[in-house]
Amino acid sequence: MKGTNRKTALTIAGSDCSGGAGIQADIKTMLANGVYAMSVITALTAQNTQGVAEILEIPAAFVEKQLDAVFTDIDPDAVKIGMVTSAETRESIAERLSFYRAERVVVDPVMVSGSGTGFADEAVRNAWQSVLFPAAFLITPNLPECEVLLGRKIETEEERERAAKDLGEAYRCAVLVKGGHGKSGANDVLWTGTRHIWFPGERIDNPNTHGTGCTLSSAIASFLAKGDSLEEAVGKAKAYVRGAIGAMLDLGKGSGPLDHGYQIK
């Protein structure tokens, strides 16, 4: 009996034991958006909706073993990269992705958790810029991360457009500057390499937004894996995240998770 083929996506990120962000959020998102999800874990975290208590890094050599296991058996149609706390691990990831000629790589430069916990020192930030960004098809920094990467404040829409273009030209990739940390609305701007595209979004009155960045980047990777254009993938991913926040799931004592399975009846 002939089986059914399905598009595949790989998430390379840290584990969130509370299920709201990281690997767990990525797998839920990929499944919800119709692709087969695989994972390479870069770190274990003890965290919940109230914050991150501790981080345990996975050795770079074992991260490589995980990558080899995936790529030599089920070649992913798209890759999402999230939290990577070690510069050595980041270099290993970039080398393996280059070796296997990975395509449609979405890099979410996780530097600070939603609760404010820092994940990246200066060496790690430099590794993002020098090692993984050049391997990316798309990077998805939020406003605070853009300010760290560019060393300047970003407040107006014109400054967001300039930030997206500057990062894109520096690393020769598309850039989605996420506006959720802005003072008004949740408008994102995409630099495609040739033009800016704005994706408007209304702020939803829901404090439970743990894992939003992980979810958005994983959703984009899912739609890219299925063959959508970059503009289509970003638009569909934003709509999915909007629905997941708008479902008003309320779990935990802090900033709770999204309802990744809100479409499942």
C-alpha atoms as a PDB file:
ATOM      1  CA  MET A   1       0.000   0.000   0.000  1.00  0.00           C
ATOM      2  CA  LYS A   2       1.444   3.350  -1.034  1.00  0.00           C
ATOM      3  CA  GLY A   3       1.833   5.902   1.751  1.00  0.00           C
ATOM      4  CA  THR A   4       1.053   9.609   1.771  1.00  0.00           C
ATOM      5  CA  ASN A   5       3.888  12.112   1.443  1.00  0.00           C
ATOM      6  CA  ARG A   6       3.795  15.265   3.520  1.00  0.00           C
ATOM      7  CA  LYS A   7       5.969  18.373   3.533  1.00  0.00           C
ATOM      8  CA  THR A   8       8.427  18.512   6.406  1.00  0.00           C
ATOM      9  CA  ALA A   9       9.937  21.168   8.656  1.00  0.00           C
ATOM     10  CA  LEU A  10      12.731  21.052  11.214  1.00  0.00           C
ATOM     11  CA  THR A  11      12.959  23.189  14.327  1.00  0.00           C
ATOM     12  CA  ILE A  12      16.358  23.766  15.927  1.00  0.00           C
ATOM     13  CA  ALA A  13      15.732  25.352  19.314  1.00  0.00           C
ATOM     14  CA  GLY A  14      15.585  24.983  23.080  1.00  0.00           C
ATOM     15  CA  SER A  15      13.009  22.991  25.016  1.00  0.00           C
ATOM     16  CA  ASP A  16      10.325  24.678  27.127  1.00  0.00           C
ATOM     17  CA  CYS A  17       9.036  22.224  29.719  1.00  0.00           C
ATOM     18  CA  SER A  18       5.852  24.278  30.175  1.00  0.00           C
ATOM     19  CA  GLY A  19       5.017  23.811  26.488  1.00  0.00           C
ATOM     20  CA  GLY A  20       4.428  27.426  25.531  1.00  0.00           C
ATOM     21  CA  ALA A  21       7.595  28.300  23.615  1.00  0.00           C
ATOM     22  CA  GLY A  22      10.641  26.685  22.021  1.00  0.00           C
ATOM     23  CA  ILE A  23      10.585  23.174  20.594  1.00  0.00           C
ATOM     24  CA  GLN A  24       7.156  22.387  22.020  1.00  0.00           C
ATOM     25  CA  ALA A  25       5.496  25.470  20.520  1.00  0.00           C
ATOM     26  CA  ASP A  26       7.264  24.877  17.207  1.00  0.00           C
ATOM     27  CA  ILE A  27       6.082  21.279  16.867  1.00  0.00           C
ATOM     28  CA  LYS A  28       2.500  22.203  17.767  1.00  0.00           C
ATOM     29  CA  THR A  29       2.570  25.043  15.246  1.00  0.00           C
ATOM     30  CA  MET A  30       4.009  22.940  12.439  1.00  0.00           C
ATOM     31  CA  LEU A  31       1.472  20.184  12.983  1.00  0.00           C
ATOM     32  CA  ALA A  32      -1.392  22.703  13.139  1.00  0.00           C
ATOM     33  CA  ASN A  33      -0.291  24.120   9.794  1.00  0.00           C
ATOM     34  CA  GLY A  34      -0.067  20.818   7.963  1.00  0.00           C
ATOM     35  CA  VAL A  35       3.597  19.815   7.936  1.00  0.00           C
ATOM     36  CA  TYR A  36       5.475  16.945   9.560  1.00  0.00           C
ATOM     37  CA  ALA A  37       7.640  18.381  12.363  1.00  0.00           C
ATOM     38  CA  MET A  38      11.124  17.289  13.416  1.00  0.00           C
ATOM     39  CA  SER A  39      13.317  18.756  16.146  1.00  0.00           C
ATOM     40  CA  VAL A  40      16.918  19.254  17.157  1.00  0.00           C
ATOM     41  CA  ILE A  41      17.197  20.369  20.782  1.00  0.00           C
ATOM     42  CA  THR A  42      19.950  22.877  21.589  1.00  0.00           C
ATOM     43  CA  ALA A  43      19.205  23.426  25.291  1.00  0.00           C
ATOM     44  CA  LEU A  44      16.937  22.317  28.098  1.00  0.00           C
ATOM     45  CA  THR A  45      15.218  25.023  30.101  1.00  0.00           C
ATOM     46  CA  ALA A  46      13.404  24.947  33.409  1.00  0.00           C
ATOM     47  CA  GLN A  47      10.776  27.587  32.698  1.00  0.00           C
ATOM     48  CA  ASN A  48       7.104  28.360  32.899  1.00  0.00           C
ATOM     49  CA  THR A  49       4.768  31.286  32.297  1.00  0.00           C
ATOM     50  CA  GLN A  50       6.526  33.247  35.047  1.00  0.00           C
ATOM     51  CA  GLY A  51      10.074  33.045  33.776  1.00  0.00           C
ATOM     52  CA  VAL A  52      13.189  30.957  33.162  1.00  0.00           C
ATOM     53  CA  ALA A  53      14.775  29.316  36.208  1.00  0.00           C
ATOM     54  CA  GLU A  54      17.719  27.564  34.590  1.00  0.00           C
ATOM     55  CA  ILE A  55      19.234  26.636  31.218  1.00  0.00           C
ATOM     56  CA  LEU A  56      21.223  23.476  30.470  1.00  0.00           C
ATOM     57  CA  GLU A  57      23.108  23.569  27.162  1.00  0.00           C
ATOM     58  CA  ILE A  58      23.280  20.498  24.952  1.00  0.00           C
ATOM     59  CA  PRO A  59      26.899  19.839  23.826  1.00  0.00           C
ATOM     60  CA  ALA A  60      27.582  21.029  20.288  1.00  0.00           C
ATOM     61  CA  ALA A  61      28.768  17.555  19.242  1.00  0.00           C
ATOM     62  CA  PHE A  62      25.414  16.045  20.227  1.00  0.00           C
ATOM     63  CA  VAL A  63      23.517  18.790  18.395  1.00  0.00           C
ATOM     64  CA  GLU A  64      25.509  17.771  15.314  1.00  0.00           C
ATOM     65  CA  LYS A  65      24.516  14.135  15.855  1.00  0.00           C
ATOM     66  CA  GLN A  66      20.850  15.153  15.958  1.00  0.00           C
ATOM     67  CA  LEU A  67      21.208  17.155  12.749  1.00  0.00           C
ATOM     68  CA  ASP A  68      22.928  14.268  10.979  1.00  0.00           C
ATOM     69  CA  ALA A  69      20.191  11.886  12.111  1.00  0.00           C
ATOM     70  CA  VAL A  70      17.495  14.126  10.619  1.00  0.00           C
ATOM     71  CA  PHE A  71      19.126  15.134   7.341  1.00  0.00           C
ATOM     72  CA  THR A  72      20.380  11.658   6.420  1.00  0.00           C
ATOM     73  CA  ASP A  73      16.883  10.235   6.693  1.00  0.00           C
ATOM     74  CA  ILE A  74      14.110  12.836   6.275  1.00  0.00           C
ATOM     75  CA  ASP A  75      15.295  15.915   4.397  1.00  0.00           C
ATOM     76  CA  PRO A  76      13.348  18.948   5.725  1.00  0.00           C
ATOM     77  CA  ASP A  77      11.615  21.266   3.271  1.00  0.00           C
ATOM     78  CA  ALA A  78      12.210  24.204   5.622  1.00  0.00           C
ATOM     79  CA  VAL A  79      14.183  24.885   8.803  1.00  0.00           C
ATOM     80  CA  LYS A  80      13.428  27.162  11.742  1.00  0.00           C
ATOM     81  CA  ILE A  81      16.213  28.143  14.151  1.00  0.00           C
ATOM     82  CA  GLY A  82      15.332  29.528  17.571  1.00  0.00           C
ATOM     83  CA  MET A  83      17.221  29.684  20.860  1.00  0.00           C
ATOM     84  CA  VAL A  84      20.885  28.674  20.615  1.00  0.00           C
ATOM     85  CA  THR A  85      22.836  29.752  23.699  1.00  0.00           C
ATOM     86  CA  SER A  86      26.318  28.572  22.677  1.00  0.00           C
ATOM     87  CA  ALA A  87      28.479  30.181  19.992  1.00  0.00           C
ATOM     88  CA  GLU A  88      30.133  26.783  19.395  1.00  0.00           C
ATOM     89  CA  THR A  89      26.742  25.180  18.821  1.00  0.00           C
ATOM     90  CA  ARG A  90      25.748  27.941  16.451  1.00  0.00           C
ATOM     91  CA  GLU A  91      28.869  27.340  14.373  1.00  0.00           C
ATOM     92  CA  SER A  92      28.140  23.606  14.300  1.00  0.00           C
ATOM     93  CA  ILE A  93      24.591  24.258  13.131  1.00  0.00           C
ATOM     94  CA  ALA A  94      25.747  26.577  10.355  1.00  0.00           C
ATOM     95  CA  GLU A  95      28.337  24.061   9.173  1.00  0.00           C
ATOM     96  CA  ARG A  96      25.831  21.187   9.057  1.00  0.00           C
ATOM     97  CA  LEU A  97      23.173  23.274   7.300  1.00  0.00           C
ATOM     98  CA  SER A  98      25.739  24.269   4.693  1.00  0.00           C
ATOM     99  CA  PHE A  99      26.909  20.665   4.302  1.00  0.00           C
ATOM    100  CA  TYR A 100      23.360  19.440   3.691  1.00  0.00           C
ATOM    101  CA  ARG A 101      22.476  22.500   1.568  1.00  0.00           C
ATOM    102  CA  ALA A 102      19.442  23.323   3.673  1.00  0.00           C
ATOM    103  CA  GLU A 103      16.938  25.664   2.046  1.00  0.00           C
ATOM    104  CA  ARG A 104      14.268  28.042   3.344  1.00  0.00           C
ATOM    105  CA  VAL A 105      16.022  28.622   6.671  1.00  0.00           C
ATOM    106  CA  VAL A 106      14.096  30.950   9.008  1.00  0.00           C
ATOM    107  CA  VAL A 107      16.204  32.369  11.843  1.00  0.00           C
ATOM    108  CA  ASP A 108      14.477  33.807  14.908  1.00  0.00           C
ATOM    109  CA  PRO A 109      17.353  35.465  16.839  1.00  0.00           C
ATOM    110  CA  VAL A 110      16.172  34.716  20.382  1.00  0.00           C
ATOM    111  CA  MET A 111      18.198  37.001  22.646  1.00  0.00           C
ATOM    112  CA  VAL A 112      15.716  37.766  25.419  1.00  0.00           C
ATOM    113  CA  SER A 113      12.762  35.695  26.607  1.00  0.00           C
ATOM    114  CA  GLY A 114       9.303  37.220  26.855  1.00  0.00           C
ATOM    115  CA  SER A 115       9.774  37.373  30.623  1.00  0.00           C
ATOM    116  CA  GLY A 116      12.997  39.357  30.201  1.00  0.00           C
ATOM    117  CA  THR A 117      15.612  36.622  30.679  1.00  0.00           C
ATOM    118  CA  GLY A 118      18.702  37.203  28.542  1.00  0.00           C
ATOM    119  CA  PHE A 119      19.897  34.298  26.399  1.00  0.00           C
ATOM    120  CA  ALA A 120      22.783  35.920  24.526  1.00  0.00           C
ATOM    121  CA  ASP A 121      26.026  37.528  25.641  1.00  0.00           C
ATOM    122  CA  GLU A 122      28.185  39.593  23.279  1.00  0.00           C
ATOM    123  CA  ALA A 123      30.009  36.554  21.866  1.00  0.00           C
ATOM    124  CA  VAL A 124      26.745  34.813  21.106  1.00  0.00           C
ATOM    125  CA  ARG A 125      25.274  37.924  19.488  1.00  0.00           C
ATOM    126  CA  ASN A 126      28.366  38.163  17.289  1.00  0.00           C
ATOM    127  CA  ALA A 127      27.901  34.516  16.348  1.00  0.00           C
ATOM    128  CA  TRP A 128      24.299  35.190  15.290  1.00  0.00           C
ATOM    129  CA  GLN A 129      25.535  37.911  12.982  1.00  0.00           C
ATOM    130  CA  SER A 130      28.653  36.279  11.591  1.00  0.00           C
ATOM    131  CA  VAL A 131      27.562  32.628  11.436  1.00  0.00           C
ATOM    132  CA  LEU A 132      23.814  32.046  11.189  1.00  0.00           C
ATOM    133  CA  PHE A 133      22.438  35.199   9.588  1.00  0.00           C
ATOM    134  CA  PRO A 134      24.426  34.631   6.371  1.00  0.00           C
ATOM    135  CA  ALA A 135      22.854  31.143   6.158  1.00  0.00           C
ATOM    136  CA  ALA A 136      19.309  32.476   6.533  1.00  0.00           C
ATOM    137  CA  PHE A 137      16.607  32.916   3.931  1.00  0.00           C
ATOM    138  CA  LEU A 138      14.663  35.038   6.432  1.00  0.00           C
ATOM    139  CA  ILE A 139      15.429  36.481   9.867  1.00  0.00           C
ATOM    140  CA  THR A 140      12.633  37.589  12.212  1.00  0.00           C
ATOM    141  CA  PRO A 141      13.942  39.949  14.918  1.00  0.00           C
ATOM    142  CA  ASN A 142      11.601  41.909  17.170  1.00  0.00           C
ATOM    143  CA  LEU A 143      12.196  45.591  17.881  1.00  0.00           C
ATOM    144  CA  PRO A 144      14.453  45.121  20.966  1.00  0.00           C
ATOM    145  CA  GLU A 145      16.552  42.596  19.034  1.00  0.00           C
ATOM    146  CA  CYS A 146      16.833  44.982  16.079  1.00  0.00           C
ATOM    147  CA  GLU A 147      18.063  47.696  18.419  1.00  0.00           C
ATOM    148  CA  VAL A 148      20.705  45.337  19.819  1.00  0.00           C
ATOM    149  CA  LEU A 149      21.814  44.229  16.368  1.00  0.00           C
ATOM    150  CA  LEU A 150      21.981  47.728  14.903  1.00  0.00           C
ATOM    151  CA  GLY A 151      23.017  49.653  18.029  1.00  0.00           C
ATOM    152  CA  ARG A 152      20.335  52.306  17.706  1.00  0.00           C
ATOM    153  CA  LYS A 153      16.787  53.088  18.828  1.00  0.00           C
ATOM    154  CA  ILE A 154      13.956  52.202  16.471  1.00  0.00           C
ATOM    155  CA  GLU A 155      10.649  53.981  17.042  1.00  0.00           C
ATOM    156  CA  THR A 156       8.977  55.253  13.867  1.00  0.00           C
ATOM    157  CA  GLU A 157       7.706  53.266  10.893  1.00  0.00           C
ATOM    158  CA  GLU A 158      10.415  54.827   8.740  1.00  0.00           C
ATOM    159  CA  GLU A 159      13.053  53.650  11.231  1.00  0.00           C
ATOM    160  CA  ARG A 160      11.598  50.130  11.129  1.00  0.00           C
ATOM    161  CA  GLU A 161      11.808  50.095   7.347  1.00  0.00           C
ATOM    162  CA  ARG A 162      15.395  51.324   7.477  1.00  0.00           C
ATOM    163  CA  ALA A 163      16.271  48.672  10.078  1.00  0.00           C
ATOM    164  CA  ALA A 164      14.812  45.878   7.958  1.00  0.00           C
ATOM    165  CA  LYS A 165      16.654  47.050   4.858  1.00  0.00           C
ATOM    166  CA  ASP A 166      19.963  47.590   6.684  1.00  0.00           C
ATOM    167  CA  LEU A 167      19.875  44.092   8.179  1.00  0.00           C
ATOM    168  CA  GLY A 168      18.815  42.566   4.876  1.00  0.00           C
ATOM    169  CA  GLU A 169      21.590  44.236   2.937  1.00  0.00           C
ATOM    170  CA  ALA A 170      24.152  43.337   5.597  1.00  0.00           C
ATOM    171  CA  TYR A 171      23.298  39.634   5.601  1.00  0.00           C
ATOM    172  CA  ARG A 172      21.801  39.235   2.110  1.00  0.00           C
ATOM    173  CA  CYS A 173      18.531  37.776   3.309  1.00  0.00           C
ATOM    174  CA  ALA A 174      14.926  38.796   3.796  1.00  0.00           C
ATOM    175  CA  VAL A 175      14.064  40.434   7.121  1.00  0.00           C
ATOM    176  CA  LEU A 176      10.786  40.619   9.029  1.00  0.00           C
ATOM    177  CA  VAL A 177      10.886  43.263  11.751  1.00  0.00           C
ATOM    178  CA  LYS A 178       8.173  42.346  14.242  1.00  0.00           C
ATOM    179  CA  GLY A 179       6.310  45.261  15.756  1.00  0.00           C
ATOM    180  CA  GLY A 180       4.612  43.618  18.722  1.00  0.00           C
ATOM    181  CA  HIS A 181       6.902  45.408  21.167  1.00  0.00           C
ATOM    182  CA  GLY A 182       5.957  48.798  19.699  1.00  0.00           C
ATOM    183  CA  LYS A 183       3.792  51.385  21.393  1.00  0.00           C
ATOM    184  CA  SER A 184       0.865  50.993  19.015  1.00  0.00           C
ATOM    185  CA  GLY A 185      -0.569  48.076  17.094  1.00  0.00           C
ATOM    186  CA  ALA A 186       1.330  44.980  16.023  1.00  0.00           C
ATOM    187  CA  ASN A 187       2.447  46.029  12.557  1.00  0.00           C
ATOM    188  CA  ASP A 188       5.314  44.047  11.020  1.00  0.00           C
ATOM    189  CA  VAL A 189       7.436  45.106   8.066  1.00  0.00           C
ATOM    190  CA  LEU A 190       9.094  42.693   5.645  1.00  0.00           C
ATOM    191  CA  TRP A 191      12.137  43.572   3.559  1.00  0.00           C
ATOM    192  CA  THR A 192      12.164  41.127   0.634  1.00  0.00           C
ATOM    193  CA  GLY A 193      15.496  42.240  -0.778  1.00  0.00           C
ATOM    194  CA  THR A 194      13.890  44.643  -3.220  1.00  0.00           C
ATOM    195  CA  ARG A 195      10.942  46.232  -1.408  1.00  0.00           C
ATOM    196  CA  HIS A 196       9.110  46.704   1.882  1.00  0.00           C
ATOM    197  CA  ILE A 197       5.777  45.018   2.598  1.00  0.00           C
ATOM    198  CA  TRP A 198       3.742  45.989   5.654  1.00  0.00           C
ATOM    199  CA  PHE A 199       1.576  43.488   7.509  1.00  0.00           C
ATOM    200  CA  PRO A 200      -0.833  45.403   9.759  1.00  0.00           C
ATOM    201  CA  GLY A 201      -2.024  43.847  12.974  1.00  0.00           C
ATOM    202  CA  GLU A 202      -4.280  45.025  15.768  1.00  0.00           C
ATOM    203  CA  ARG A 203      -3.130  44.479  19.325  1.00  0.00           C
ATOM    204  CA  ILE A 204      -5.340  41.850  21.000  1.00  0.00           C
ATOM    205  CA  ASP A 205      -6.290  42.504  24.614  1.00  0.00           C
ATOM    206  CA  ASN A 206      -4.762  39.293  25.934  1.00  0.00           C
ATOM    207  CA  PRO A 207      -1.744  39.194  28.291  1.00  0.00           C
ATOM    208  CA  ASN A 208      -1.083  35.547  27.432  1.00  0.00           C
ATOM    209  CA  THR A 209       1.499  35.799  24.665  1.00  0.00           C
ATOM    210  CA  HIS A 210       4.230  33.415  25.857  1.00  0.00           C
ATOM    211  CA  GLY A 211       5.971  31.940  22.802  1.00  0.00           C
ATOM    212  CA  THR A 212       4.567  34.313  20.194  1.00  0.00           C
ATOM    213  CA  GLY A 213       7.903  34.780  18.401  1.00  0.00           C
ATOM    214  CA  CYS A 214       8.598  31.036  18.297  1.00  0.00           C
ATOM    215  CA  THR A 215       5.114  30.400  16.967  1.00  0.00           C
ATOM    216  CA  LEU A 216       5.316  33.016  14.219  1.00  0.00           C
ATOM    217  CA  SER A 217       8.687  31.882  12.873  1.00  0.00           C
ATOM    218  CA  SER A 218       7.606  28.223  12.941  1.00  0.00           C
ATOM    219  CA  ALA A 219       4.398  29.048  11.115  1.00  0.00           C
ATOM    220  CA  ILE A 220       6.345  30.935   8.437  1.00  0.00           C
ATOM    221  CA  ALA A 221       8.667  27.943   8.014  1.00  0.00           C
ATOM    222  CA  SER A 222       5.629  25.670   7.718  1.00  0.00           C
ATOM    223  CA  PHE A 223       4.088  27.662   4.893  1.00  0.00           C
ATOM    224  CA  LEU A 224       7.440  28.015   3.121  1.00  0.00           C
ATOM    225  CA  ALA A 225       7.813  24.224   3.335  1.00  0.00           C
ATOM    226  CA  LYS A 226       4.440  23.867   1.633  1.00  0.00           C
ATOM    227  CA  GLY A 227       5.591  26.027  -1.284  1.00  0.00           C
ATOM    228  CA  ASP A 228       4.082  29.421  -0.450  1.00  0.00           C
ATOM    229  CA  SER A 229       5.904  32.579  -1.464  1.00  0.00           C
ATOM    230  CA  LEU A 230       7.585  34.596   1.276  1.00  0.00           C
ATOM    231  CA  GLU A 231       4.814  37.204   1.290  1.00  0.00           C
ATOM    232  CA  GLU A 232       2.115  34.520   1.414  1.00  0.00           C
ATOM    233  CA  ALA A 233       3.909  32.628   4.186  1.00  0.00           C
ATOM    234  CA  VAL A 234       4.265  35.695   6.391  1.00  0.00           C
ATOM    235  CA  GLY A 235       0.639  36.723   5.854  1.00  0.00           C
ATOM    236  CA  LYS A 236      -0.714  33.263   6.662  1.00  0.00           C
ATOM    237  CA  ALA A 237       1.571  32.915   9.669  1.00  0.00           C
ATOM    238  CA  LYS A 238       0.417  36.226  11.115  1.00  0.00           C
ATOM    239  CA  ALA A 239      -3.203  35.175  10.667  1.00  0.00           C
ATOM    240  CA  TYR A 240      -2.494  31.905  12.494  1.00  0.00           C
ATOM    241  CA  VAL A 241      -0.789  33.691  15.398  1.00  0.00           C
ATOM    242  CA  ARG A 242      -3.624  36.193  15.593  1.00  0.00           C
ATOM    243  CA  GLY A 243      -6.086  33.318  15.899  1.00  0.00           C
ATOM    244  CA  ALA A 244      -3.938  31.542  18.510  1.00  0.00           C
ATOM    245  CA  ILE A 245      -3.810  34.679  20.672  1.00  0.00           C
ATOM    246  CA  GLY A 246      -7.458  35.541  20.021  1.00  0.00           C
ATOM    247  CA  ALA A 247      -8.582  32.116  21.265  1.00  0.00           C
ATOM    248  CA  MET A 248      -7.939  33.568  24.747  1.00  0.00           C
ATOM    249  CA  LEU A 249      -6.382  30.469  26.320  1.00  0.00           C
ATOM    250  CA  ASP A 250      -5.669  31.225  29.984  1.00  0.00           C
ATOM    251  CA  LEU A 251      -3.140  28.914  31.656  1.00  0.00           C
ATOM    252  CA  GLY A 252      -0.482  29.539  34.281  1.00  0.00           C
ATOM    253  CA  LYS A 253       0.185  32.291  36.784  1.00  0.00           C
ATOM    254  CA  GLY A 254       2.168  34.546  34.434  1.00  0.00           C
ATOM    255  CA  SER A 255       2.065  35.341  30.723  1.00  0.00           C
ATOM    256  CA  GLY A 256       0.392  32.179  29.488  1.00  0.00           C
ATOM    257  CA  PRO A 257       0.822  30.299  26.206  1.00  0.00           C
ATOM    258  CA  LEU A 258      -1.082  30.662  22.959  1.00  0.00           C
ATOM    259  CA  ASP A 259      -3.700  28.140  21.904  1.00  0.00           C
ATOM    260  CA  HIS A 260      -1.704  26.467  19.121  1.00  0.00           C
ATOM    261  CA  GLY A 261      -4.509  24.046  18.419  1.00  0.00           C
ATOM    262  CA  TYR A 262      -7.335  26.570  18.282  1.00  0.00           C
ATOM    263  CA  GLN A 263      -8.372  25.333  14.827  1.00  0.00           C
ATOM    264  CA  ILE A 264      -8.858  21.778  16.082  1.00  0.00           C
ATOM    265  CA  LYS A 265     -12.475  21.133  16.997  1.00  0.00           C
END
